[in-house]
Amino acid sequence: MEIATVSSKYQIVIPQQIRSSLNISPGQKLMMFPYLNRIEIVILRSILDLAGTLPDLNTDLGRDEEDRL
């Protein structure tokens, strides 16, 4: 478990081991929100980063007639 201290400017530093394991880089956006009695942090990734993550996904879906233009 890693511990961070809140500075007088309410800033925290993400410990190096966590940054490395999650490939967090400078300038990357993180979303934070309160949940119960804690802070949840979610890494925001570009949609382009998801390319190829679902190689077996079947995209041959039937379309409704009004969607076929």
C-alpha atoms as a PDB file:
ATOM      1  CA  MET A   1       0.000   0.000   0.000  1.00  0.00           C
ATOM      2  CA  GLU A   2       1.327   3.430  -0.939  1.00  0.00           C
ATOM      3  CA  ILE A   3       0.651   6.630   1.011  1.00  0.00           C
ATOM      4  CA  ALA A   4       0.494  10.197  -0.309  1.00  0.00           C
ATOM      5  CA  THR A   5       0.369  13.392   1.743  1.00  0.00           C
ATOM      6  CA  VAL A   6      -1.831  16.345   0.820  1.00  0.00           C
ATOM      7  CA  SER A   7       0.268  19.512   0.508  1.00  0.00           C
ATOM      8  CA  SER A   8      -0.730  22.953   1.747  1.00  0.00           C
ATOM      9  CA  LYS A   9      -1.950  23.599  -1.832  1.00  0.00           C
ATOM     10  CA  TYR A  10      -4.120  20.429  -1.673  1.00  0.00           C
ATOM     11  CA  GLN A  11      -1.867  18.602  -4.123  1.00  0.00           C
ATOM     12  CA  ILE A  12      -0.810  14.964  -3.956  1.00  0.00           C
ATOM     13  CA  VAL A  13       1.944  13.030  -5.705  1.00  0.00           C
ATOM     14  CA  ILE A  14       1.088   9.643  -7.182  1.00  0.00           C
ATOM     15  CA  PRO A  15       3.778   7.251  -5.935  1.00  0.00           C
ATOM     16  CA  GLN A  16       6.279   6.150  -8.582  1.00  0.00           C
ATOM     17  CA  GLN A  17       5.440   2.442  -8.292  1.00  0.00           C
ATOM     18  CA  ILE A  18       1.761   3.155  -9.051  1.00  0.00           C
ATOM     19  CA  ARG A  19       2.613   5.539 -11.923  1.00  0.00           C
ATOM     20  CA  SER A  20       4.839   2.903 -13.488  1.00  0.00           C
ATOM     21  CA  SER A  21       2.434   0.002 -13.105  1.00  0.00           C
ATOM     22  CA  LEU A  22      -0.451   1.995 -14.634  1.00  0.00           C
ATOM     23  CA  ASN A  23       1.654   3.780 -17.304  1.00  0.00           C
ATOM     24  CA  ILE A  24       0.623   7.222 -16.067  1.00  0.00           C
ATOM     25  CA  SER A  25       2.581   9.988 -17.771  1.00  0.00           C
ATOM     26  CA  PRO A  26       2.886  13.762 -17.197  1.00  0.00           C
ATOM     27  CA  GLY A  27      -0.074  15.690 -18.568  1.00  0.00           C
ATOM     28  CA  GLN A  28      -2.373  12.670 -18.521  1.00  0.00           C
ATOM     29  CA  LYS A  29      -5.907  13.361 -17.296  1.00  0.00           C
ATOM     30  CA  LEU A  30      -7.357  11.626 -14.243  1.00  0.00           C
ATOM     31  CA  MET A  31     -10.987  11.815 -13.165  1.00  0.00           C
ATOM     32  CA  MET A  32     -11.664  11.923  -9.420  1.00  0.00           C
ATOM     33  CA  PHE A  33     -14.937  11.524  -7.608  1.00  0.00           C
ATOM     34  CA  PRO A  34     -16.066  10.834  -4.059  1.00  0.00           C
ATOM     35  CA  TYR A  35     -17.486   7.384  -3.365  1.00  0.00           C
ATOM     36  CA  LEU A  36     -18.665   6.476   0.112  1.00  0.00           C
ATOM     37  CA  ASN A  37     -15.790   7.610   2.332  1.00  0.00           C
ATOM     38  CA  ARG A  38     -13.004   7.566  -0.242  1.00  0.00           C
ATOM     39  CA  ILE A  39     -11.749   9.190  -3.454  1.00  0.00           C
ATOM     40  CA  GLU A  40     -11.912   7.123  -6.636  1.00  0.00           C
ATOM     41  CA  ILE A  41      -9.387   7.986  -9.361  1.00  0.00           C
ATOM     42  CA  VAL A  42      -9.946   6.828 -12.932  1.00  0.00           C
ATOM     43  CA  ILE A  43      -7.400   7.214 -15.728  1.00  0.00           C
ATOM     44  CA  LEU A  44      -8.928   8.910 -18.760  1.00  0.00           C
ATOM     45  CA  ARG A  45      -7.693   7.284 -21.940  1.00  0.00           C
ATOM     46  CA  SER A  46      -8.155   8.240 -25.569  1.00  0.00           C
ATOM     47  CA  ILE A  47     -10.622   6.170 -27.568  1.00  0.00           C
ATOM     48  CA  LEU A  48      -7.702   5.409 -29.880  1.00  0.00           C
ATOM     49  CA  ASP A  49      -5.995   3.571 -26.995  1.00  0.00           C
ATOM     50  CA  LEU A  50      -8.817   1.023 -27.106  1.00  0.00           C
ATOM     51  CA  ALA A  51      -8.143  -0.032 -30.702  1.00  0.00           C
ATOM     52  CA  GLY A  52      -7.664  -3.794 -30.895  1.00  0.00           C
ATOM     53  CA  THR A  53      -8.734  -4.510 -27.311  1.00  0.00           C
ATOM     54  CA  LEU A  54     -11.746  -6.579 -28.422  1.00  0.00           C
ATOM     55  CA  PRO A  55     -10.425  -8.597 -31.378  1.00  0.00           C
ATOM     56  CA  ASP A  56     -13.163 -11.276 -31.163  1.00  0.00           C
ATOM     57  CA  LEU A  57     -16.076  -8.829 -31.051  1.00  0.00           C
ATOM     58  CA  ASN A  58     -18.692  -9.643 -33.674  1.00  0.00           C
ATOM     59  CA  THR A  59     -19.583  -6.423 -35.515  1.00  0.00           C
ATOM     60  CA  ASP A  60     -21.966  -8.111 -37.983  1.00  0.00           C
ATOM     61  CA  LEU A  61     -25.072  -6.843 -36.257  1.00  0.00           C
ATOM     62  CA  GLY A  62     -28.452  -6.607 -37.913  1.00  0.00           C
ATOM     63  CA  ARG A  63     -29.537  -3.048 -38.613  1.00  0.00           C
ATOM     64  CA  ASP A  64     -33.024  -1.601 -38.349  1.00  0.00           C
ATOM     65  CA  GLU A  65     -34.485  -0.612 -41.704  1.00  0.00           C
ATOM     66  CA  GLU A  66     -34.546   3.118 -40.783  1.00  0.00           C
ATOM     67  CA  ASP A  67     -30.807   2.979 -39.977  1.00  0.00           C
ATOM     68  CA  ARG A  68     -29.858   1.741 -43.456  1.00  0.00           C
ATOM     69  CA  LEU A  69     -29.149   4.922 -45.398  1.00  0.00           C
END
